[in-house]
Amino acid sequence: MIFDFHTHSFFSDGIASPIELTRFAVSYGYKAIAITDHASYSNLDFLVDNIKKDCQLAEKYWDITAIPGVEISNVPAKDIDKMAGYAKERGAKLVIAHGQSVVERVEEGTNWEAVNSKHVDILAHPGIISEKEAEAAAKNGIFLEVTARKGHSLGNGRTVVLGRKAGARFLLNTDAHGPYDLFQGNFQEVVGKGAGLNPDEIKEILEINTRMVIEKAKKN
């Protein structure tokens, strides 16, 4: 079974509609997918309202949990918590913060504001995350992403080392921008192994952490 909480449709920079992406996910054996397009105040209302429609459609006919969410991306760091709260008010069931990837010029301080937010659920590809940020993520129950995305994945090793030391929880996500970026076969586990996660940690992610995310999304 595959669980993936970071994907993009053509509502931001992906190539498929939310329902198309979800259909491919079902065919690959997914049990849960979150559609989390890049968001700020300029498009947040539109995204949540429309992604919800396809997620509801998918759950009506297919055996999958489809979660409408957003990825708050490249916004002023000091506004992350406020924007994440607004997204939840609008109906987003999952809020990701776009972390300080090693391949993008994300504003300094973004990781820190995200892991101290009351409304952020996942810090995506946090790049050169600090010990203090990892500790805050653990303390505040914010998941750290280990990603399959090219470029962003260069920070996976550091994320695992510091996240493990801090006691933070991990997720294995694709950051997919199209159907063929989704996990297939055992590639989710392969990404975890490549990042330095041991078999017990990977099992915990797939059997416990994923369920925690789904239950939290249902409560939002």
N, C-alpha and C. Protein backbone atom coordinates (compact mmCIF):
# COMPACT_ATOMS: atom_id res chain seq x y z
N MET A 1 0.83 -1.20 0.00
CA MET A 1 0.00 0.00 0.00
C MET A 1 0.87 1.25 0.00
N ILE A 2 0.44 2.25 -0.72
CA ILE A 2 1.22 3.48 -0.88
C ILE A 2 0.43 4.66 -0.35
N PHE A 3 1.12 5.54 0.37
CA PHE A 3 0.54 6.75 0.92
C PHE A 3 1.43 7.92 0.52
N ASP A 4 0.84 8.97 -0.01
CA ASP A 4 1.63 10.07 -0.56
C ASP A 4 0.89 11.38 -0.31
N PHE A 5 1.52 12.28 0.42
CA PHE A 5 0.83 13.48 0.87
C PHE A 5 1.38 14.78 0.27
N HIS A 6 2.02 14.68 -0.89
CA HIS A 6 2.56 15.87 -1.54
C HIS A 6 2.56 15.66 -3.04
N THR A 7 1.52 16.18 -3.72
CA THR A 7 1.44 16.08 -5.17
C THR A 7 0.85 17.37 -5.74
N HIS A 8 1.05 17.59 -7.05
CA HIS A 8 0.60 18.81 -7.70
C HIS A 8 -0.20 18.50 -8.97
N SER A 9 -1.27 19.24 -9.15
CA SER A 9 -2.10 19.12 -10.35
C SER A 9 -1.83 20.30 -11.28
N PHE A 10 -2.61 20.38 -12.37
CA PHE A 10 -2.43 21.51 -13.29
C PHE A 10 -3.00 22.81 -12.74
N PHE A 11 -3.52 22.78 -11.51
CA PHE A 11 -3.93 24.03 -10.87
C PHE A 11 -2.72 24.84 -10.39
N SER A 12 -1.54 24.19 -10.35
CA SER A 12 -0.30 24.96 -10.13
C SER A 12 0.68 24.56 -11.23
N ASP A 13 1.69 23.78 -10.92
CA ASP A 13 2.69 23.47 -11.94
C ASP A 13 2.73 22.00 -12.33
N GLY A 14 1.64 21.28 -12.06
CA GLY A 14 1.53 19.90 -12.51
C GLY A 14 0.95 19.82 -13.91
N ILE A 15 0.74 18.59 -14.40
CA ILE A 15 0.29 18.43 -15.78
C ILE A 15 -1.06 17.70 -15.89
N ALA A 16 -1.61 17.27 -14.76
CA ALA A 16 -2.87 16.53 -14.78
C ALA A 16 -3.87 17.17 -13.83
N SER A 17 -5.14 16.89 -14.05
CA SER A 17 -6.16 17.36 -13.11
C SER A 17 -6.07 16.56 -11.82
N PRO A 18 -6.65 17.05 -10.74
CA PRO A 18 -6.65 16.27 -9.50
C PRO A 18 -7.26 14.88 -9.66
N ILE A 19 -8.35 14.77 -10.42
CA ILE A 19 -8.98 13.46 -10.58
C ILE A 19 -8.13 12.53 -11.44
N GLU A 20 -7.46 13.07 -12.44
CA GLU A 20 -6.56 12.24 -13.26
C GLU A 20 -5.40 11.71 -12.42
N LEU A 21 -4.81 12.60 -11.64
CA LEU A 21 -3.69 12.18 -10.81
C LEU A 21 -4.13 11.11 -9.82
N THR A 22 -5.31 11.28 -9.27
CA THR A 22 -5.82 10.31 -8.32
C THR A 22 -6.13 8.98 -8.99
N ARG A 23 -6.63 9.02 -10.21
CA ARG A 23 -6.92 7.78 -10.92
C ARG A 23 -5.65 6.96 -11.14
N PHE A 24 -4.57 7.62 -11.54
CA PHE A 24 -3.30 6.92 -11.69
C PHE A 24 -2.84 6.36 -10.35
N ALA A 25 -3.02 7.14 -9.30
CA ALA A 25 -2.62 6.67 -7.97
C ALA A 25 -3.36 5.40 -7.59
N VAL A 26 -4.65 5.36 -7.85
CA VAL A 26 -5.43 4.15 -7.57
C VAL A 26 -4.86 2.96 -8.33
N SER A 27 -4.53 3.18 -9.60
CA SER A 27 -4.02 2.08 -10.42
C SER A 27 -2.65 1.59 -9.95
N TYR A 28 -1.90 2.46 -9.25
CA TYR A 28 -0.58 2.08 -8.74
C TYR A 28 -0.65 1.46 -7.35
N GLY A 29 -1.85 1.37 -6.78
CA GLY A 29 -1.99 0.74 -5.48
C GLY A 29 -1.99 1.71 -4.30
N TYR A 30 -2.18 2.99 -4.57
CA TYR A 30 -2.26 3.98 -3.49
C TYR A 30 -3.49 3.75 -2.64
N LYS A 31 -3.36 3.99 -1.33
CA LYS A 31 -4.49 4.01 -0.42
C LYS A 31 -4.84 5.42 0.03
N ALA A 32 -3.91 6.36 -0.15
CA ALA A 32 -4.19 7.76 0.18
C ALA A 32 -3.30 8.66 -0.66
N ILE A 33 -3.88 9.77 -1.07
CA ILE A 33 -3.12 10.79 -1.81
C ILE A 33 -3.63 12.16 -1.38
N ALA A 34 -2.73 13.10 -1.26
CA ALA A 34 -3.11 14.50 -1.02
C ALA A 34 -2.73 15.32 -2.24
N ILE A 35 -3.65 16.15 -2.69
CA ILE A 35 -3.38 17.08 -3.77
C ILE A 35 -3.05 18.42 -3.12
N THR A 36 -1.82 18.87 -3.29
CA THR A 36 -1.32 20.01 -2.51
C THR A 36 -0.65 21.03 -3.42
N ASP A 37 -1.44 21.71 -4.21
CA ASP A 37 -0.88 22.67 -5.17
C ASP A 37 -0.28 23.89 -4.48
N HIS A 38 0.67 24.51 -5.17
CA HIS A 38 1.35 25.70 -4.66
C HIS A 38 0.34 26.82 -4.42
N ALA A 39 0.42 27.42 -3.23
CA ALA A 39 -0.62 28.37 -2.85
C ALA A 39 -0.06 29.60 -2.16
N SER A 40 -0.79 30.70 -2.35
CA SER A 40 -0.64 31.91 -1.55
C SER A 40 -2.02 32.57 -1.55
N TYR A 41 -2.13 33.76 -1.01
CA TYR A 41 -3.45 34.40 -0.96
C TYR A 41 -4.06 34.60 -2.35
N SER A 42 -3.23 34.70 -3.36
CA SER A 42 -3.73 34.98 -4.71
C SER A 42 -4.57 33.86 -5.30
N ASN A 43 -4.34 32.62 -4.87
CA ASN A 43 -5.06 31.51 -5.50
C ASN A 43 -5.59 30.49 -4.50
N LEU A 44 -5.42 30.75 -3.22
CA LEU A 44 -5.74 29.76 -2.21
C LEU A 44 -7.22 29.37 -2.22
N ASP A 45 -8.10 30.35 -2.28
CA ASP A 45 -9.54 30.05 -2.28
C ASP A 45 -9.91 29.17 -3.48
N PHE A 46 -9.40 29.54 -4.64
CA PHE A 46 -9.68 28.77 -5.86
C PHE A 46 -9.21 27.33 -5.72
N LEU A 47 -7.98 27.15 -5.25
CA LEU A 47 -7.42 25.82 -5.13
C LEU A 47 -8.25 24.93 -4.22
N VAL A 48 -8.51 25.40 -3.03
CA VAL A 48 -9.21 24.56 -2.06
C VAL A 48 -10.61 24.21 -2.57
N ASP A 49 -11.33 25.19 -3.08
CA ASP A 49 -12.69 24.95 -3.55
C ASP A 49 -12.73 23.90 -4.66
N ASN A 50 -11.77 23.96 -5.57
CA ASN A 50 -11.81 23.07 -6.72
C ASN A 50 -11.15 21.71 -6.47
N ILE A 51 -10.09 21.67 -5.72
CA ILE A 51 -9.48 20.38 -5.40
C ILE A 51 -10.43 19.52 -4.57
N LYS A 52 -11.17 20.15 -3.68
CA LYS A 52 -12.15 19.43 -2.86
C LYS A 52 -13.14 18.66 -3.73
N LYS A 53 -13.55 19.26 -4.82
CA LYS A 53 -14.56 18.62 -5.69
C LYS A 53 -14.05 17.30 -6.25
N ASP A 54 -12.82 17.30 -6.76
CA ASP A 54 -12.28 16.06 -7.32
C ASP A 54 -11.95 15.04 -6.24
N CYS A 55 -11.52 15.49 -5.08
CA CYS A 55 -11.24 14.56 -3.98
C CYS A 55 -12.52 13.86 -3.53
N GLN A 56 -13.61 14.61 -3.45
CA GLN A 56 -14.89 14.03 -3.07
C GLN A 56 -15.37 13.04 -4.13
N LEU A 57 -15.17 13.38 -5.40
CA LEU A 57 -15.55 12.49 -6.49
C LEU A 57 -14.75 11.18 -6.43
N ALA A 58 -13.46 11.29 -6.20
CA ALA A 58 -12.61 10.09 -6.13
C ALA A 58 -13.03 9.18 -4.99
N GLU A 59 -13.28 9.75 -3.84
CA GLU A 59 -13.65 8.93 -2.69
C GLU A 59 -15.03 8.28 -2.86
N LYS A 60 -15.89 8.91 -3.64
CA LYS A 60 -17.22 8.35 -3.87
C LYS A 60 -17.17 7.04 -4.67
N TYR A 61 -16.23 6.95 -5.61
CA TYR A 61 -16.21 5.82 -6.53
C TYR A 61 -15.01 4.88 -6.37
N TRP A 62 -13.94 5.34 -5.76
CA TRP A 62 -12.73 4.52 -5.69
C TRP A 62 -12.29 4.29 -4.25
N ASP A 63 -11.55 3.23 -4.06
CA ASP A 63 -11.06 2.86 -2.73
C ASP A 63 -9.77 3.61 -2.42
N ILE A 64 -9.91 4.89 -2.16
CA ILE A 64 -8.74 5.72 -1.84
C ILE A 64 -9.18 6.90 -0.97
N THR A 65 -8.32 7.29 -0.07
CA THR A 65 -8.52 8.52 0.68
C THR A 65 -7.87 9.65 -0.10
N ALA A 66 -8.66 10.62 -0.54
CA ALA A 66 -8.16 11.74 -1.34
C ALA A 66 -8.30 13.02 -0.51
N ILE A 67 -7.18 13.65 -0.23
CA ILE A 67 -7.14 14.76 0.72
C ILE A 67 -6.88 16.08 -0.02
N PRO A 68 -7.77 17.05 0.09
CA PRO A 68 -7.52 18.37 -0.50
C PRO A 68 -6.60 19.20 0.40
N GLY A 69 -5.51 19.66 -0.18
CA GLY A 69 -4.56 20.44 0.61
C GLY A 69 -3.91 21.53 -0.22
N VAL A 70 -2.93 22.17 0.37
CA VAL A 70 -2.14 23.19 -0.33
C VAL A 70 -0.70 23.11 0.14
N GLU A 71 0.19 23.59 -0.71
CA GLU A 71 1.58 23.78 -0.32
C GLU A 71 1.86 25.28 -0.37
N ILE A 72 2.02 25.87 0.79
CA ILE A 72 2.34 27.29 0.88
C ILE A 72 3.79 27.46 0.44
N SER A 73 3.97 28.20 -0.64
CA SER A 73 5.26 28.19 -1.33
C SER A 73 5.83 29.58 -1.55
N ASN A 74 7.06 29.79 -1.11
CA ASN A 74 7.81 31.02 -1.39
C ASN A 74 7.04 32.28 -1.01
N VAL A 75 6.44 32.26 0.15
CA VAL A 75 5.76 33.43 0.69
C VAL A 75 6.65 34.03 1.79
N PRO A 76 6.37 35.25 2.22
CA PRO A 76 7.15 35.80 3.34
C PRO A 76 7.07 34.88 4.55
N ALA A 77 8.22 34.54 5.08
CA ALA A 77 8.27 33.55 6.16
C ALA A 77 7.38 33.93 7.34
N LYS A 78 7.34 35.18 7.69
CA LYS A 78 6.59 35.63 8.85
C LYS A 78 5.08 35.49 8.67
N ASP A 79 4.62 35.25 7.46
CA ASP A 79 3.18 35.12 7.23
C ASP A 79 2.73 33.66 7.11
N ILE A 80 3.65 32.71 7.23
CA ILE A 80 3.32 31.30 7.00
C ILE A 80 2.22 30.82 7.95
N ASP A 81 2.35 31.09 9.22
CA ASP A 81 1.35 30.59 10.17
C ASP A 81 -0.03 31.18 9.89
N LYS A 82 -0.08 32.46 9.62
CA LYS A 82 -1.36 33.12 9.33
C LYS A 82 -1.98 32.54 8.06
N MET A 83 -1.17 32.36 7.02
CA MET A 83 -1.69 31.84 5.76
C MET A 83 -2.15 30.39 5.91
N ALA A 84 -1.38 29.61 6.67
CA ALA A 84 -1.76 28.21 6.90
C ALA A 84 -3.09 28.14 7.65
N GLY A 85 -3.28 29.03 8.60
CA GLY A 85 -4.54 29.08 9.33
C GLY A 85 -5.70 29.43 8.42
N TYR A 86 -5.46 30.37 7.51
CA TYR A 86 -6.50 30.76 6.55
C TYR A 86 -6.85 29.58 5.64
N ALA A 87 -5.84 28.84 5.22
CA ALA A 87 -6.08 27.68 4.37
C ALA A 87 -6.97 26.66 5.07
N LYS A 88 -6.72 26.43 6.35
CA LYS A 88 -7.55 25.50 7.10
C LYS A 88 -8.98 26.03 7.22
N GLU A 89 -9.12 27.32 7.44
CA GLU A 89 -10.45 27.93 7.53
C GLU A 89 -11.22 27.76 6.22
N ARG A 90 -10.51 27.82 5.11
CA ARG A 90 -11.14 27.69 3.80
C ARG A 90 -11.50 26.25 3.45
N GLY A 91 -10.97 25.29 4.20
CA GLY A 91 -11.31 23.90 3.97
C GLY A 91 -10.17 22.99 3.57
N ALA A 92 -8.93 23.50 3.56
CA ALA A 92 -7.79 22.62 3.30
C ALA A 92 -7.64 21.64 4.45
N LYS A 93 -7.54 20.37 4.13
CA LYS A 93 -7.40 19.34 5.16
C LYS A 93 -5.96 19.06 5.52
N LEU A 94 -5.04 19.55 4.69
CA LEU A 94 -3.62 19.33 4.91
C LEU A 94 -2.86 20.54 4.39
N VAL A 95 -1.97 21.07 5.20
CA VAL A 95 -1.17 22.22 4.79
C VAL A 95 0.31 21.86 4.86
N ILE A 96 0.96 21.99 3.73
CA ILE A 96 2.41 21.78 3.63
C ILE A 96 3.08 23.14 3.52
N ALA A 97 4.22 23.27 4.14
CA ALA A 97 5.06 24.45 3.93
C ALA A 97 6.24 24.04 3.06
N HIS A 98 6.47 24.81 2.01
CA HIS A 98 7.60 24.57 1.10
C HIS A 98 8.88 24.96 1.84
N GLY A 99 9.68 23.96 2.18
CA GLY A 99 10.88 24.20 2.97
C GLY A 99 12.02 24.82 2.17
N GLN A 100 13.11 25.05 2.88
CA GLN A 100 14.28 25.71 2.29
C GLN A 100 15.14 24.71 1.52
N SER A 101 14.59 24.26 0.39
CA SER A 101 15.28 23.31 -0.46
C SER A 101 16.66 23.84 -0.87
N VAL A 102 17.57 22.92 -1.09
CA VAL A 102 18.92 23.32 -1.49
C VAL A 102 18.97 23.82 -2.94
N VAL A 103 17.88 23.65 -3.70
CA VAL A 103 17.90 24.05 -5.10
C VAL A 103 16.95 25.22 -5.40
N GLU A 104 16.40 25.85 -4.38
CA GLU A 104 15.55 27.01 -4.59
C GLU A 104 15.91 28.10 -3.59
N ARG A 105 15.68 29.35 -3.99
CA ARG A 105 16.02 30.48 -3.13
C ARG A 105 14.86 30.85 -2.22
N VAL A 106 14.47 29.91 -1.38
CA VAL A 106 13.40 30.15 -0.42
C VAL A 106 13.92 31.08 0.67
N GLU A 107 13.05 31.96 1.15
CA GLU A 107 13.47 32.95 2.14
C GLU A 107 14.02 32.30 3.41
N GLU A 108 15.13 32.83 3.88
CA GLU A 108 15.72 32.38 5.15
C GLU A 108 14.69 32.57 6.26
N GLY A 109 14.59 31.57 7.12
CA GLY A 109 13.63 31.62 8.21
C GLY A 109 12.35 30.87 7.92
N THR A 110 12.17 30.42 6.68
CA THR A 110 10.96 29.69 6.31
C THR A 110 10.81 28.40 7.11
N ASN A 111 11.87 27.61 7.20
CA ASN A 111 11.79 26.36 7.97
C ASN A 111 11.37 26.63 9.41
N TRP A 112 11.98 27.65 10.01
CA TRP A 112 11.72 27.95 11.42
C TRP A 112 10.27 28.36 11.64
N GLU A 113 9.76 29.22 10.79
CA GLU A 113 8.37 29.65 10.94
C GLU A 113 7.41 28.49 10.71
N ALA A 114 7.75 27.62 9.78
CA ALA A 114 6.87 26.49 9.47
C ALA A 114 6.79 25.50 10.63
N VAL A 115 7.93 25.16 11.22
CA VAL A 115 7.92 24.15 12.29
C VAL A 115 7.38 24.71 13.60
N ASN A 116 7.18 26.01 13.66
CA ASN A 116 6.58 26.62 14.85
C ASN A 116 5.15 27.09 14.59
N SER A 117 4.58 26.69 13.46
CA SER A 117 3.21 27.07 13.12
C SER A 117 2.22 26.12 13.78
N LYS A 118 1.08 26.67 14.18
CA LYS A 118 0.00 25.86 14.75
C LYS A 118 -0.83 25.18 13.66
N HIS A 119 -0.61 25.58 12.41
CA HIS A 119 -1.49 25.12 11.34
C HIS A 119 -0.79 24.33 10.25
N VAL A 120 0.54 24.34 10.21
CA VAL A 120 1.29 23.56 9.22
C VAL A 120 1.36 22.11 9.68
N ASP A 121 1.17 21.19 8.74
CA ASP A 121 1.22 19.75 9.05
C ASP A 121 2.53 19.11 8.64
N ILE A 122 3.10 19.56 7.51
CA ILE A 122 4.29 18.93 6.94
C ILE A 122 5.26 20.02 6.48
N LEU A 123 6.54 19.85 6.80
CA LEU A 123 7.58 20.69 6.22
C LEU A 123 8.21 19.90 5.08
N ALA A 124 7.98 20.38 3.86
CA ALA A 124 8.46 19.67 2.67
C ALA A 124 9.93 19.96 2.42
N HIS A 125 10.63 18.92 1.97
CA HIS A 125 12.03 19.02 1.56
C HIS A 125 12.76 20.19 2.25
N PRO A 126 13.04 20.05 3.55
CA PRO A 126 13.57 21.19 4.33
C PRO A 126 15.04 21.52 4.08
N GLY A 127 15.69 20.82 3.15
CA GLY A 127 17.06 21.19 2.76
C GLY A 127 18.05 21.12 3.90
N ILE A 128 18.79 22.21 4.09
CA ILE A 128 19.81 22.24 5.16
C ILE A 128 19.12 22.64 6.46
N ILE A 129 18.28 21.75 6.95
CA ILE A 129 17.55 22.00 8.18
C ILE A 129 18.52 22.06 9.35
N SER A 130 18.21 22.89 10.34
CA SER A 130 19.06 23.01 11.51
C SER A 130 18.59 22.08 12.62
N GLU A 131 19.46 21.87 13.62
CA GLU A 131 19.07 21.05 14.76
C GLU A 131 17.88 21.66 15.49
N LYS A 132 17.89 22.98 15.67
CA LYS A 132 16.79 23.65 16.37
C LYS A 132 15.47 23.48 15.61
N GLU A 133 15.53 23.54 14.30
CA GLU A 133 14.32 23.38 13.50
C GLU A 133 13.79 21.95 13.60
N ALA A 134 14.69 20.99 13.56
CA ALA A 134 14.27 19.59 13.71
C ALA A 134 13.66 19.35 15.09
N GLU A 135 14.25 19.92 16.10
CA GLU A 135 13.73 19.79 17.47
C GLU A 135 12.35 20.42 17.59
N ALA A 136 12.15 21.58 16.95
CA ALA A 136 10.85 22.24 16.98
C ALA A 136 9.80 21.42 16.24
N ALA A 137 10.19 20.80 15.13
CA ALA A 137 9.26 19.95 14.39
C ALA A 137 8.80 18.78 15.27
N ALA A 138 9.75 18.18 15.98
CA ALA A 138 9.40 17.07 16.87
C ALA A 138 8.47 17.53 17.98
N LYS A 139 8.81 18.65 18.59
CA LYS A 139 8.02 19.19 19.70
C LYS A 139 6.61 19.55 19.28
N ASN A 140 6.46 20.10 18.08
CA ASN A 140 5.17 20.61 17.63
C ASN A 140 4.38 19.65 16.74
N GLY A 141 4.90 18.43 16.58
CA GLY A 141 4.18 17.41 15.83
C GLY A 141 4.10 17.66 14.35
N ILE A 142 5.10 18.32 13.79
CA ILE A 142 5.11 18.60 12.36
C ILE A 142 6.02 17.59 11.66
N PHE A 143 5.48 16.94 10.65
CA PHE A 143 6.22 15.89 9.95
C PHE A 143 7.29 16.50 9.03
N LEU A 144 8.43 15.82 8.98
CA LEU A 144 9.50 16.20 8.07
C LEU A 144 9.45 15.29 6.85
N GLU A 145 9.53 15.90 5.69
CA GLU A 145 9.41 15.13 4.44
C GLU A 145 10.76 14.63 3.95
N VAL A 146 10.77 13.34 3.60
CA VAL A 146 11.83 12.75 2.81
C VAL A 146 11.24 12.59 1.42
N THR A 147 11.86 13.22 0.43
CA THR A 147 11.21 13.38 -0.87
C THR A 147 11.88 12.58 -1.99
N ALA A 148 11.06 12.20 -2.94
CA ALA A 148 11.56 11.55 -4.15
C ALA A 148 11.87 12.56 -5.25
N ARG A 149 11.58 13.83 -5.00
CA ARG A 149 11.70 14.85 -6.05
C ARG A 149 13.17 15.16 -6.37
N LYS A 150 13.49 15.14 -7.66
CA LYS A 150 14.83 15.46 -8.11
C LYS A 150 15.24 16.84 -7.63
N GLY A 151 16.47 16.97 -7.17
CA GLY A 151 16.96 18.26 -6.66
C GLY A 151 16.63 18.44 -5.20
N HIS A 152 15.35 18.48 -4.88
CA HIS A 152 14.94 18.62 -3.48
C HIS A 152 15.48 17.47 -2.62
N SER A 153 15.63 16.29 -3.24
CA SER A 153 16.06 15.11 -2.50
C SER A 153 17.51 15.20 -2.03
N LEU A 154 18.26 16.20 -2.51
CA LEU A 154 19.66 16.33 -2.09
C LEU A 154 19.79 16.61 -0.59
N GLY A 155 18.72 17.09 0.02
CA GLY A 155 18.77 17.35 1.46
C GLY A 155 18.23 16.22 2.31
N ASN A 156 17.83 15.09 1.70
CA ASN A 156 17.22 14.00 2.45
C ASN A 156 18.10 13.46 3.57
N GLY A 157 19.37 13.29 3.28
CA GLY A 157 20.27 12.69 4.27
C GLY A 157 20.34 13.51 5.54
N ARG A 158 20.51 14.83 5.39
CA ARG A 158 20.58 15.69 6.57
C ARG A 158 19.25 15.70 7.32
N THR A 159 18.16 15.71 6.58
CA THR A 159 16.84 15.68 7.21
C THR A 159 16.69 14.45 8.08
N VAL A 160 17.12 13.31 7.58
CA VAL A 160 17.00 12.06 8.35
C VAL A 160 17.91 12.08 9.57
N VAL A 161 19.14 12.50 9.41
CA VAL A 161 20.10 12.48 10.53
C VAL A 161 19.62 13.39 11.67
N LEU A 162 19.26 14.63 11.33
CA LEU A 162 18.86 15.58 12.38
C LEU A 162 17.45 15.30 12.88
N GLY A 163 16.58 14.86 11.98
CA GLY A 163 15.22 14.52 12.41
C GLY A 163 15.22 13.34 13.35
N ARG A 164 16.02 12.34 13.05
CA ARG A 164 16.12 11.15 13.92
C ARG A 164 16.65 11.55 15.29
N LYS A 165 17.68 12.36 15.32
CA LYS A 165 18.28 12.81 16.58
C LYS A 165 17.27 13.58 17.43
N ALA A 166 16.42 14.36 16.78
CA ALA A 166 15.44 15.18 17.50
C ALA A 166 14.18 14.41 17.88
N GLY A 167 13.99 13.23 17.28
CA GLY A 167 12.77 12.47 17.54
C GLY A 167 11.59 12.90 16.69
N ALA A 168 11.87 13.54 15.56
CA ALA A 168 10.80 13.99 14.66
C ALA A 168 10.25 12.81 13.86
N ARG A 169 9.04 12.97 13.39
CA ARG A 169 8.42 11.95 12.55
C ARG A 169 8.61 12.31 11.07
N PHE A 170 8.80 11.28 10.25
CA PHE A 170 9.04 11.47 8.83
C PHE A 170 7.86 11.00 7.98
N LEU A 171 7.81 11.52 6.75
CA LEU A 171 6.93 11.01 5.72
C LEU A 171 7.74 10.82 4.44
N LEU A 172 7.34 9.87 3.62
CA LEU A 172 7.95 9.63 2.32
C LEU A 172 6.97 10.08 1.25
N ASN A 173 7.26 11.18 0.57
CA ASN A 173 6.38 11.76 -0.43
C ASN A 173 7.08 11.90 -1.78
N THR A 174 6.27 12.06 -2.83
CA THR A 174 6.86 12.20 -4.17
C THR A 174 7.10 13.64 -4.59
N ASP A 175 6.24 14.58 -4.14
CA ASP A 175 6.21 15.92 -4.72
C ASP A 175 5.96 15.78 -6.22
N ALA A 176 5.04 14.88 -6.57
CA ALA A 176 4.75 14.58 -7.98
C ALA A 176 4.16 15.77 -8.70
N HIS A 177 4.58 15.96 -9.95
CA HIS A 177 4.02 16.99 -10.82
C HIS A 177 3.30 16.37 -12.02
N GLY A 178 3.17 15.07 -11.99
CA GLY A 178 2.47 14.35 -13.04
C GLY A 178 2.29 12.90 -12.65
N PRO A 179 1.45 12.16 -13.35
CA PRO A 179 1.15 10.77 -12.99
C PRO A 179 2.37 9.87 -12.90
N TYR A 180 3.36 10.10 -13.75
CA TYR A 180 4.50 9.19 -13.77
C TYR A 180 5.58 9.56 -12.75
N ASP A 181 5.33 10.62 -11.99
CA ASP A 181 6.18 10.93 -10.84
C ASP A 181 5.73 10.19 -9.59
N LEU A 182 4.55 9.61 -9.62
CA LEU A 182 4.01 8.93 -8.45
C LEU A 182 4.81 7.66 -8.15
N PHE A 183 4.74 7.23 -6.90
CA PHE A 183 5.40 5.98 -6.51
C PHE A 183 4.77 4.80 -7.24
N GLN A 184 5.62 3.89 -7.70
CA GLN A 184 5.17 2.63 -8.27
C GLN A 184 5.99 1.50 -7.67
N GLY A 185 5.36 0.34 -7.51
CA GLY A 185 6.05 -0.80 -6.93
C GLY A 185 6.54 -0.49 -5.53
N ASN A 186 7.82 -0.78 -5.27
CA ASN A 186 8.38 -0.54 -3.94
C ASN A 186 9.26 0.71 -3.89
N PHE A 187 9.05 1.63 -4.85
CA PHE A 187 9.96 2.77 -4.94
C PHE A 187 9.88 3.68 -3.72
N GLN A 188 8.73 3.73 -3.05
CA GLN A 188 8.63 4.53 -1.83
C GLN A 188 9.64 4.05 -0.80
N GLU A 189 9.74 2.76 -0.63
CA GLU A 189 10.71 2.19 0.32
C GLU A 189 12.14 2.42 -0.15
N VAL A 190 12.37 2.34 -1.44
CA VAL A 190 13.71 2.56 -1.99
C VAL A 190 14.19 3.98 -1.69
N VAL A 191 13.30 4.95 -1.84
CA VAL A 191 13.65 6.33 -1.53
C VAL A 191 14.03 6.46 -0.06
N GLY A 192 13.29 5.79 0.81
CA GLY A 192 13.60 5.82 2.23
C GLY A 192 14.97 5.21 2.53
N LYS A 193 15.26 4.10 1.92
CA LYS A 193 16.56 3.45 2.12
C LYS A 193 17.69 4.35 1.62
N GLY A 194 17.47 4.97 0.47
CA GLY A 194 18.49 5.85 -0.09
C GLY A 194 18.77 7.06 0.78
N ALA A 195 17.78 7.47 1.55
CA ALA A 195 17.94 8.62 2.44
C ALA A 195 18.57 8.24 3.77
N GLY A 196 18.76 6.94 3.99
CA GLY A 196 19.40 6.49 5.22
C GLY A 196 18.45 5.99 6.28
N LEU A 197 17.17 5.86 5.96
CA LEU A 197 16.22 5.30 6.91
C LEU A 197 16.40 3.79 7.00
N ASN A 198 16.28 3.25 8.21
CA ASN A 198 16.41 1.81 8.37
C ASN A 198 15.03 1.15 8.20
N PRO A 199 14.99 -0.18 8.06
CA PRO A 199 13.71 -0.86 7.81
C PRO A 199 12.63 -0.58 8.86
N ASP A 200 13.02 -0.49 10.12
CA ASP A 200 12.04 -0.21 11.16
C ASP A 200 11.47 1.20 11.02
N GLU A 201 12.31 2.15 10.64
CA GLU A 201 11.84 3.52 10.45
C GLU A 201 10.89 3.62 9.26
N ILE A 202 11.22 2.91 8.19
CA ILE A 202 10.35 2.91 7.02
C ILE A 202 9.01 2.27 7.36
N LYS A 203 9.05 1.19 8.11
CA LYS A 203 7.80 0.53 8.53
C LYS A 203 6.96 1.47 9.38
N GLU A 204 7.60 2.21 10.28
CA GLU A 204 6.87 3.16 11.12
C GLU A 204 6.21 4.24 10.27
N ILE A 205 6.92 4.73 9.27
CA ILE A 205 6.35 5.75 8.38
C ILE A 205 5.11 5.22 7.68
N LEU A 206 5.23 4.03 7.11
CA LEU A 206 4.15 3.49 6.28
C LEU A 206 2.98 2.95 7.08
N GLU A 207 3.23 2.52 8.30
CA GLU A 207 2.16 1.91 9.08
C GLU A 207 1.59 2.82 10.17
N ILE A 208 2.38 3.76 10.65
CA ILE A 208 1.93 4.61 11.76
C ILE A 208 1.80 6.07 11.34
N ASN A 209 2.88 6.64 10.83
CA ASN A 209 2.87 8.07 10.50
C ASN A 209 1.82 8.42 9.47
N THR A 210 1.68 7.57 8.46
CA THR A 210 0.68 7.84 7.43
C THR A 210 -0.72 7.86 8.01
N ARG A 211 -1.00 6.94 8.92
CA ARG A 211 -2.32 6.89 9.54
C ARG A 211 -2.56 8.13 10.39
N MET A 212 -1.51 8.60 11.04
CA MET A 212 -1.64 9.82 11.84
C MET A 212 -2.02 11.00 10.96
N VAL A 213 -1.42 11.11 9.80
CA VAL A 213 -1.72 12.21 8.88
C VAL A 213 -3.18 12.12 8.41
N ILE A 214 -3.60 10.92 8.05
CA ILE A 214 -4.98 10.75 7.57
C ILE A 214 -5.98 11.12 8.66
N GLU A 215 -5.74 10.64 9.87
CA GLU A 215 -6.66 10.95 10.97
C GLU A 215 -6.68 12.45 11.27
N LYS A 216 -5.53 13.07 11.21
CA LYS A 216 -5.48 14.52 11.44
C LYS A 216 -6.24 15.26 10.35
N ALA A 217 -6.09 14.83 9.10
CA ALA A 217 -6.79 15.48 7.99
C ALA A 217 -8.30 15.34 8.14
N LYS A 218 -8.76 14.22 8.62
CA LYS A 218 -10.20 14.00 8.79
C LYS A 218 -10.78 14.94 9.86
N LYS A 219 -9.95 15.30 10.82
CA LYS A 219 -10.41 16.18 11.91
C LYS A 219 -10.44 17.64 11.49
N ASN A 220 -9.65 18.01 10.47
CA ASN A 220 -9.58 19.41 10.05
C ASN A 220 -10.85 19.86 9.34
